[in-house]
C-alpha atoms as a PDB file:
ATOM      1  CA  MET A   1      19.571 -17.807  10.803  1.00  0.00           C
ATOM      2  CA  SER A   2      21.611 -18.254   7.488  1.00  0.00           C
ATOM      3  CA  TRP A   3      21.380 -16.374   4.403  1.00  0.00           C
ATOM      4  CA  THR A   4      19.410 -18.969   2.599  1.00  0.00           C
ATOM      5  CA  GLU A   5      16.900 -18.905   5.467  1.00  0.00           C
ATOM      6  CA  VAL A   6      16.640 -15.247   4.647  1.00  0.00           C
ATOM      7  CA  LEU A   7      15.951 -15.400   0.600  1.00  0.00           C
ATOM      8  CA  LEU A   8      13.623 -18.200   0.849  1.00  0.00           C
ATOM      9  CA  LYS A   9      11.834 -15.553   2.920  1.00  0.00           C
ATOM     10  CA  LEU A  10      12.185 -13.263   0.497  1.00  0.00           C
ATOM     11  CA  ILE A  11      11.450 -15.443  -2.287  1.00  0.00           C
ATOM     12  CA  SER A  12       8.378 -16.682  -0.451  1.00  0.00           C
ATOM     13  CA  ALA A  13       6.890 -13.348   0.189  1.00  0.00           C
ATOM     14  CA  TYR A  14       7.412 -11.821  -3.347  1.00  0.00           C
ATOM     15  CA  LEU A  15       5.752 -14.905  -4.669  1.00  0.00           C
ATOM     16  CA  LEU A  16       2.936 -14.252  -2.280  1.00  0.00           C
ATOM     17  CA  GLY A  17       2.579 -10.837  -3.282  1.00  0.00           C
ATOM     18  CA  SER A  18       2.299 -12.191  -6.610  1.00  0.00           C
ATOM     19  CA  LEU A  19      -1.081 -13.145  -5.596  1.00  0.00           C
ATOM     20  CA  SER A  20      -3.095 -10.154  -6.955  1.00  0.00           C
ATOM     21  CA  GLY A  21      -6.259  -9.686  -5.575  1.00  0.00           C
ATOM     22  CA  SER A  22      -7.919  -7.985  -8.279  1.00  0.00           C
ATOM     23  CA  LEU A  23      -6.465 -10.225 -11.059  1.00  0.00           C
ATOM     24  CA  MET A  24      -7.112 -13.589  -9.234  1.00  0.00           C
ATOM     25  CA  LEU A  25     -10.852 -12.486  -7.865  1.00  0.00           C
ATOM     26  CA  GLY A  26     -11.387 -10.765 -11.813  1.00  0.00           C
ATOM     27  CA  ARG A  27     -10.992 -14.614 -13.301  1.00  0.00           C
ATOM     28  CA  LEU A  28     -13.417 -15.867 -11.152  1.00  0.00           C
ATOM     29  CA  ARG A  29     -16.292 -13.204 -12.606  1.00  0.00           C
ATOM     30  CA  GLY A  30     -14.333 -13.120 -16.086  1.00  0.00           C
ATOM     31  CA  VAL A  31     -12.789  -9.678 -15.854  1.00  0.00           C
ATOM     32  CA  ASP A  32      -9.399  -8.107 -16.016  1.00  0.00           C
ATOM     33  CA  VAL A  33      -9.514  -4.663 -14.485  1.00  0.00           C
ATOM     34  CA  ARG A  34      -6.476  -3.684 -15.927  1.00  0.00           C
ATOM     35  CA  GLN A  35      -8.539  -3.512 -18.985  1.00  0.00           C
ATOM     36  CA  LEU A  36     -10.881  -0.823 -17.407  1.00  0.00           C
ATOM     37  CA  GLY A  37     -10.802   2.264 -16.215  1.00  0.00           C
ATOM     38  CA  SER A  38      -7.317   3.420 -15.159  1.00  0.00           C
ATOM     39  CA  GLY A  39      -5.749   0.289 -15.889  1.00  0.00           C
ATOM     40  CA  ASN A  40      -4.032  -0.172 -12.203  1.00  0.00           C
ATOM     41  CA  ALA A  41      -5.155  -3.413 -10.484  1.00  0.00           C
ATOM     42  CA  GLY A  42      -5.511  -1.958  -7.048  1.00  0.00           C
ATOM     43  CA  GLY A  43      -8.759  -1.419  -4.963  1.00  0.00           C
ATOM     44  CA  THR A  44      -9.325   1.854  -6.577  1.00  0.00           C
ATOM     45  CA  ASN A  45      -9.898   1.318  -9.506  1.00  0.00           C
ATOM     46  CA  ALA A  46     -11.958  -2.163  -8.479  1.00  0.00           C
ATOM     47  CA  PHE A  47     -14.344  -0.011  -6.690  1.00  0.00           C
ATOM     48  CA  ARG A  48     -14.790   2.097  -9.739  1.00  0.00           C
ATOM     49  CA  THR A  49     -15.208  -0.569 -12.280  1.00  0.00           C
ATOM     50  CA  GLN A  50     -16.785  -3.590 -10.181  1.00  0.00           C
ATOM     51  CA  GLY A  51     -18.468  -2.124  -6.812  1.00  0.00           C
ATOM     52  CA  TRP A  52     -17.388  -1.943  -3.857  1.00  0.00           C
ATOM     53  CA  ARG A  53     -18.328  -5.469  -2.942  1.00  0.00           C
ATOM     54  CA  PHE A  54     -15.121  -6.585  -5.136  1.00  0.00           C
ATOM     55  CA  ALA A  55     -13.217  -4.257  -4.139  1.00  0.00           C
ATOM     56  CA  LEU A  56     -13.792  -4.596  -0.587  1.00  0.00           C
ATOM     57  CA  ALA A  57     -12.676  -8.495  -1.203  1.00  0.00           C
ATOM     58  CA  VAL A  58      -9.806  -6.956  -2.895  1.00  0.00           C
ATOM     59  CA  VAL A  59      -8.353  -4.361  -0.136  1.00  0.00           C
ATOM     60  CA  LEU A  60      -8.845  -7.783   1.862  1.00  0.00           C
ATOM     61  CA  VAL A  61      -6.897  -9.809  -0.110  1.00  0.00           C
ATOM     62  CA  ASP A  62      -3.832  -7.331  -0.859  1.00  0.00           C
ATOM     63  CA  VAL A  63      -3.817  -6.458   3.180  1.00  0.00           C
ATOM     64  CA  GLY A  64      -3.555  -9.854   4.254  1.00  0.00           C
ATOM     65  CA  LYS A  65      -0.986 -10.980   2.005  1.00  0.00           C
ATOM     66  CA  GLY A  66       0.893  -8.050   3.431  1.00  0.00           C
ATOM     67  CA  LEU A  67       0.135  -9.226   7.000  1.00  0.00           C
ATOM     68  CA  LEU A  68       0.737 -12.946   6.313  1.00  0.00           C
ATOM     69  CA  ALA A  69       4.547 -12.473   4.671  1.00  0.00           C
ATOM     70  CA  VAL A  70       5.667 -10.796   7.608  1.00  0.00           C
ATOM     71  CA  TRP A  71       3.699 -13.049  10.105  1.00  0.00           C
ATOM     72  CA  VAL A  72       5.144 -15.837   8.891  1.00  0.00           C
ATOM     73  CA  ALA A  73       8.447 -14.323   8.025  1.00  0.00           C
ATOM     74  CA  GLN A  74       8.770 -13.631  11.642  1.00  0.00           C
ATOM     75  CA  ARG A  75       8.132 -16.480  13.512  1.00  0.00           C
ATOM     76  CA  GLY A  76      10.872 -17.971  15.175  1.00  0.00           C
ATOM     77  CA  VAL A  77      13.237 -14.816  15.499  1.00  0.00           C
ATOM     78  CA  ALA A  78      13.524 -14.135  18.906  1.00  0.00           C
ATOM     79  CA  GLU A  79      15.831 -11.330  18.955  1.00  0.00           C
ATOM     80  CA  PRO A  80      13.781  -8.088  18.153  1.00  0.00           C
ATOM     81  CA  GLY A  81      16.354  -6.160  16.370  1.00  0.00           C
ATOM     82  CA  LEU A  82      16.496  -9.194  13.707  1.00  0.00           C
ATOM     83  CA  ALA A  83      12.985  -9.541  13.593  1.00  0.00           C
ATOM     84  CA  LEU A  84      12.090  -5.642  12.994  1.00  0.00           C
ATOM     85  CA  ARG A  85      14.782  -6.095   9.944  1.00  0.00           C
ATOM     86  CA  ILE A  86      13.178  -9.659   8.362  1.00  0.00           C
ATOM     87  CA  GLY A  87      10.006  -8.078   8.325  1.00  0.00           C
ATOM     88  CA  LEU A  88      10.904  -4.830   6.829  1.00  0.00           C
ATOM     89  CA  ALA A  89      12.583  -6.728   3.846  1.00  0.00           C
ATOM     90  CA  VAL A  90      10.116  -9.029   3.854  1.00  0.00           C
ATOM     91  CA  SER A  91       7.461  -6.351   3.472  1.00  0.00           C
ATOM     92  CA  ALA A  92       9.807  -4.968   0.339  1.00  0.00           C
ATOM     93  CA  ALA A  93       9.643  -8.459  -1.037  1.00  0.00           C
ATOM     94  CA  VAL A  94       5.990  -8.369  -1.072  1.00  0.00           C
ATOM     95  CA  VAL A  95       5.008  -5.522  -2.033  1.00  0.00           C
ATOM     96  CA  LEU A  96       7.056  -5.555  -4.948  1.00  0.00           C
ATOM     97  CA  GLY A  97       5.425  -9.113  -5.850  1.00  0.00           C
ATOM     98  CA  HIS A  98       1.735  -7.095  -5.621  1.00  0.00           C
ATOM     99  CA  VAL A  99       3.252  -4.507  -7.978  1.00  0.00           C
ATOM    100  CA  TRP A 100       5.703  -6.825 -10.387  1.00  0.00           C
ATOM    101  CA  PRO A 101       3.557  -9.787 -10.047  1.00  0.00           C
ATOM    102  CA  VAL A 102       5.060 -12.944 -11.895  1.00  0.00           C
ATOM    103  CA  PHE A 103       1.976 -14.491 -11.984  1.00  0.00           C
ATOM    104  CA  PHE A 104       0.476 -12.094 -13.950  1.00  0.00           C
ATOM    105  CA  GLY A 105       2.959 -10.284 -16.159  1.00  0.00           C
ATOM    106  CA  PHE A 106       4.803  -8.594 -13.990  1.00  0.00           C
ATOM    107  CA  LYS A 107       1.786  -5.441 -14.141  1.00  0.00           C
ATOM    108  CA  GLY A 108       0.028  -5.237 -10.826  1.00  0.00           C
ATOM    109  CA  GLY A 109      -1.625  -2.177  -8.063  1.00  0.00           C
ATOM    110  CA  LYS A 110       0.393   0.659  -6.912  1.00  0.00           C
ATOM    111  CA  GLY A 111       1.237  -1.279  -3.347  1.00  0.00           C
ATOM    112  CA  ALA A 112      -0.385   0.824  -0.671  1.00  0.00           C
ATOM    113  CA  ALA A 113      -2.316  -2.013   0.783  1.00  0.00           C
ATOM    114  CA  THR A 114      -0.185  -4.284   0.746  1.00  0.00           C
ATOM    115  CA  LEU A 115       2.073  -2.112   2.357  1.00  0.00           C
ATOM    116  CA  ILE A 116      -0.859  -1.033   4.801  1.00  0.00           C
ATOM    117  CA  GLY A 117      -0.994  -4.848   5.786  1.00  0.00           C
ATOM    118  CA  ALA A 118       3.071  -5.357   6.425  1.00  0.00           C
ATOM    119  CA  LEU A 119       2.706  -1.633   8.326  1.00  0.00           C
ATOM    120  CA  GLY A 120      -0.440  -3.263  10.194  1.00  0.00           C
ATOM    121  CA  MET A 121       1.595  -6.097  11.612  1.00  0.00           C
ATOM    122  CA  LEU A 122       5.247  -4.496  12.306  1.00  0.00           C
ATOM    123  CA  TRP A 123       3.578  -1.484  13.736  1.00  0.00           C
ATOM    124  CA  PRO A 124      -0.208  -1.285  14.321  1.00  0.00           C
ATOM    125  CA  LEU A 125      -0.029   2.343  15.743  1.00  0.00           C
ATOM    126  CA  VAL A 126       1.881   4.109  13.149  1.00  0.00           C
ATOM    127  CA  LEU A 127      -1.351   3.258  11.260  1.00  0.00           C
ATOM    128  CA  LEU A 128      -3.216   5.711  12.991  1.00  0.00           C
ATOM    129  CA  PRO A 129      -1.523   8.956  12.036  1.00  0.00           C
ATOM    130  CA  LEU A 130      -1.569   7.897   8.556  1.00  0.00           C
ATOM    131  CA  LEU A 131      -4.940   7.346   8.501  1.00  0.00           C
ATOM    132  CA  VAL A 132      -5.907  10.581   9.924  1.00  0.00           C
ATOM    133  CA  VAL A 133      -3.803  12.713   7.219  1.00  0.00           C
ATOM    134  CA  TRP A 134      -5.661   9.831   4.348  1.00  0.00           C
ATOM    135  CA  LEU A 135      -9.001  10.927   5.850  1.00  0.00           C
ATOM    136  CA  LEU A 136      -8.118  14.752   5.947  1.00  0.00           C
ATOM    137  CA  SER A 137      -6.448  14.786   2.335  1.00  0.00           C
ATOM    138  CA  MET A 138      -9.599  12.982   1.116  1.00  0.00           C
ATOM    139  CA  MET A 139     -12.256  15.360   2.302  1.00  0.00           C
ATOM    140  CA  LEU A 140     -10.465  18.130   1.356  1.00  0.00           C
ATOM    141  CA  THR A 141      -9.453  17.388  -2.446  1.00  0.00           C
ATOM    142  CA  GLY A 142     -11.382  13.947  -3.140  1.00  0.00           C
ATOM    143  CA  PHE A 143      -8.061  12.496  -4.762  1.00  0.00           C
ATOM    144  CA  VAL A 144      -7.568   8.726  -3.557  1.00  0.00           C
ATOM    145  CA  GLY A 145      -4.236   8.672  -5.114  1.00  0.00           C
ATOM    146  CA  LEU A 146      -2.222  12.578  -3.503  1.00  0.00           C
ATOM    147  CA  SER A 147      -4.392  10.966  -0.280  1.00  0.00           C
ATOM    148  CA  THR A 148      -2.203   7.937  -0.073  1.00  0.00           C
ATOM    149  CA  MET A 149       0.750   9.855  -1.289  1.00  0.00           C
ATOM    150  CA  LEU A 150       0.468  12.213   1.530  1.00  0.00           C
ATOM    151  CA  GLY A 151      -0.115   9.632   3.930  1.00  0.00           C
ATOM    152  CA  GLY A 152       3.214   7.727   2.822  1.00  0.00           C
ATOM    153  CA  ILE A 153       5.130  11.091   3.574  1.00  0.00           C
ATOM    154  CA  ALA A 154       3.493  11.294   6.784  1.00  0.00           C
ATOM    155  CA  LEU A 155       5.248   8.190   8.013  1.00  0.00           C
ATOM    156  CA  ILE A 156       8.103   9.835   7.813  1.00  0.00           C
ATOM    157  CA  PRO A 157       7.905  12.644  10.166  1.00  0.00           C
ATOM    158  CA  VAL A 158       5.742   9.470  12.271  1.00  0.00           C
ATOM    159  CA  VAL A 159       8.716   7.441  12.567  1.00  0.00           C
ATOM    160  CA  TRP A 160      11.380   9.897  13.309  1.00  0.00           C
ATOM    161  CA  TRP A 161       9.018  11.274  16.416  1.00  0.00           C
ATOM    162  CA  ALA A 162       7.830   7.520  17.877  1.00  0.00           C
ATOM    163  CA  ALA A 163      10.006   5.001  16.422  1.00  0.00           C
ATOM    164  CA  PRO A 164      12.630   3.629  19.588  1.00  0.00           C
ATOM    165  CA  ASP A 165      16.244   5.370  19.913  1.00  0.00           C
ATOM    166  CA  ALA A 166      17.498   2.128  18.965  1.00  0.00           C
ATOM    167  CA  ASP A 167      15.583   1.558  15.931  1.00  0.00           C
ATOM    168  CA  ARG A 168      14.992   4.932  14.701  1.00  0.00           C
ATOM    169  CA  MET A 169      17.147   5.624  12.187  1.00  0.00           C
ATOM    170  CA  LEU A 170      15.961   2.330  10.370  1.00  0.00           C
ATOM    171  CA  TRP A 171      12.260   2.722  10.933  1.00  0.00           C
ATOM    172  CA  LEU A 172      13.401   6.409   9.239  1.00  0.00           C
ATOM    173  CA  GLY A 173      15.051   4.648   6.413  1.00  0.00           C
ATOM    174  CA  ALA A 174      11.791   2.190   5.218  1.00  0.00           C
ATOM    175  CA  ALA A 175       9.950   5.633   5.727  1.00  0.00           C
ATOM    176  CA  VAL A 176      11.391   7.356   3.054  1.00  0.00           C
ATOM    177  CA  SER A 177      11.725   4.486   0.780  1.00  0.00           C
ATOM    178  CA  ILE A 178       8.080   4.014   1.428  1.00  0.00           C
ATOM    179  CA  ALA A 179       7.368   7.680   0.798  1.00  0.00           C
ATOM    180  CA  LEU A 180       9.496   7.263  -2.818  1.00  0.00           C
ATOM    181  CA  PHE A 181       8.067   4.161  -4.028  1.00  0.00           C
ATOM    182  CA  LEU A 182       4.570   5.389  -3.343  1.00  0.00           C
ATOM    183  CA  VAL A 183       4.936   8.897  -5.221  1.00  0.00           C
ATOM    184  CA  PHE A 184       6.509   6.464  -7.966  1.00  0.00           C
ATOM    185  CA  THR A 185       3.186   4.297  -8.357  1.00  0.00           C
ATOM    186  CA  HIS A 186       1.227   6.654  -8.053  1.00  0.00           C
ATOM    187  CA  ARG A 187       3.180   8.876 -11.128  1.00  0.00           C
ATOM    188  CA  SER A 188       0.155   8.484 -13.450  1.00  0.00           C
ATOM    189  CA  ASN A 189      -1.670   9.977 -10.594  1.00  0.00           C
ATOM    190  CA  ILE A 190       0.350  12.698 -10.915  1.00  0.00           C
ATOM    191  CA  GLN A 191       0.276  13.509 -14.573  1.00  0.00           C
ATOM    192  CA  ARG A 192      -3.632  13.076 -14.078  1.00  0.00           C
ATOM    193  CA  MET A 193      -3.937  15.339 -11.523  1.00  0.00           C
ATOM    194  CA  ARG A 194      -1.204  18.071 -14.031  1.00  0.00           C
ATOM    195  CA  ASP A 195      -3.995  17.517 -16.435  1.00  0.00           C
ATOM    196  CA  GLY A 196      -6.762  18.023 -14.711  1.00  0.00           C
ATOM    197  CA  SER A 197      -8.213  14.130 -15.771  1.00  0.00           C
ATOM    198  CA  GLU A 198      -7.930  12.532 -12.285  1.00  0.00           C
ATOM    199  CA  ASN A 199     -10.773  11.425 -10.639  1.00  0.00           C
ATOM    200  CA  ARG A 200     -12.301  12.332  -7.767  1.00  0.00           C
ATOM    201  CA  PHE A 201     -14.337  11.170  -4.613  1.00  0.00           C
ATOM    202  CA  GLU A 202     -17.032  13.857  -4.439  1.00  0.00           C
ATOM    203  CA  ARG A 203     -19.161  12.635  -1.752  1.00  0.00           C
ATOM    204  CA  ILE A 204     -15.863  12.192   0.514  1.00  0.00           C
ATOM    205  CA  ARG A 205     -14.946  15.651  -0.220  1.00  0.00           C
ATOM    206  CA  ILE A 206     -16.592  17.051   2.162  1.00  0.00           C
ATOM    207  CA  ILE A 207     -14.084  19.889   3.128  1.00  0.00           C
ATOM    208  CA  GLY A 208     -13.258  21.182  -0.236  1.00  0.00           C
ATOM    209  CA  ARG A 209     -16.868  21.331  -1.261  1.00  0.00           C
ATOM    210  CA  TRP A 210     -17.457  23.694   1.764  1.00  0.00           C
ATOM    211  CA  TRP A 211     -14.360  25.878   1.290  1.00  0.00           C
ATOM    212  CA  GLU A 212     -15.388  26.522  -2.132  1.00  0.00           C
ATOM    213  CA  ARG A 213     -18.862  27.436  -1.250  1.00  0.00           C
ATOM    214  CA  ALA A 214     -17.636  29.762   1.839  1.00  0.00           C
ATOM    215  CA  ARG A 215     -14.936  31.887  -0.873  1.00  0.00           C
END
């Protein structure tokens, strides 16, 4: 595979990532979710400002483009090591497109849903422990942003333990990059948690409310 082919795959993935679910669907109903709520073009803000049906459609689009980008890029690549490297590079490109979409003024979402889609194509089983961490954090704190960051950080020990020896260091580098990137894109959530102004999903904060009553 030539460098030109790889570059075309990366550009295509970035452009696909730039098709923001919340912003495209929002145009159909005449709203820009970046002007509402937290100002973020992601599923959580879509849920808070437009309801669960709209948010579900947004998440399906954003997860789907991560899946599609990796699937298309890896087609015809027979060598497993090369397929993994291309898949990881394309994953980065499609997520960058989602966060900084060329079609929407380079102001998009935080990348979590698109990352889930890309990881779901690269290594589906790795999502299970991340989902467990995310759910536990949600039930304890009710903070979506914090739970997402912790899920991303949890990827590091998971790949260290579960990745094949031949790919462990490559996966470890990817996992560290993903964790740092999610912390970066959720920096506004960190600031709001420090200020005490971050929104909680109280209904799912089961463990946290039980702990408060038990103290």
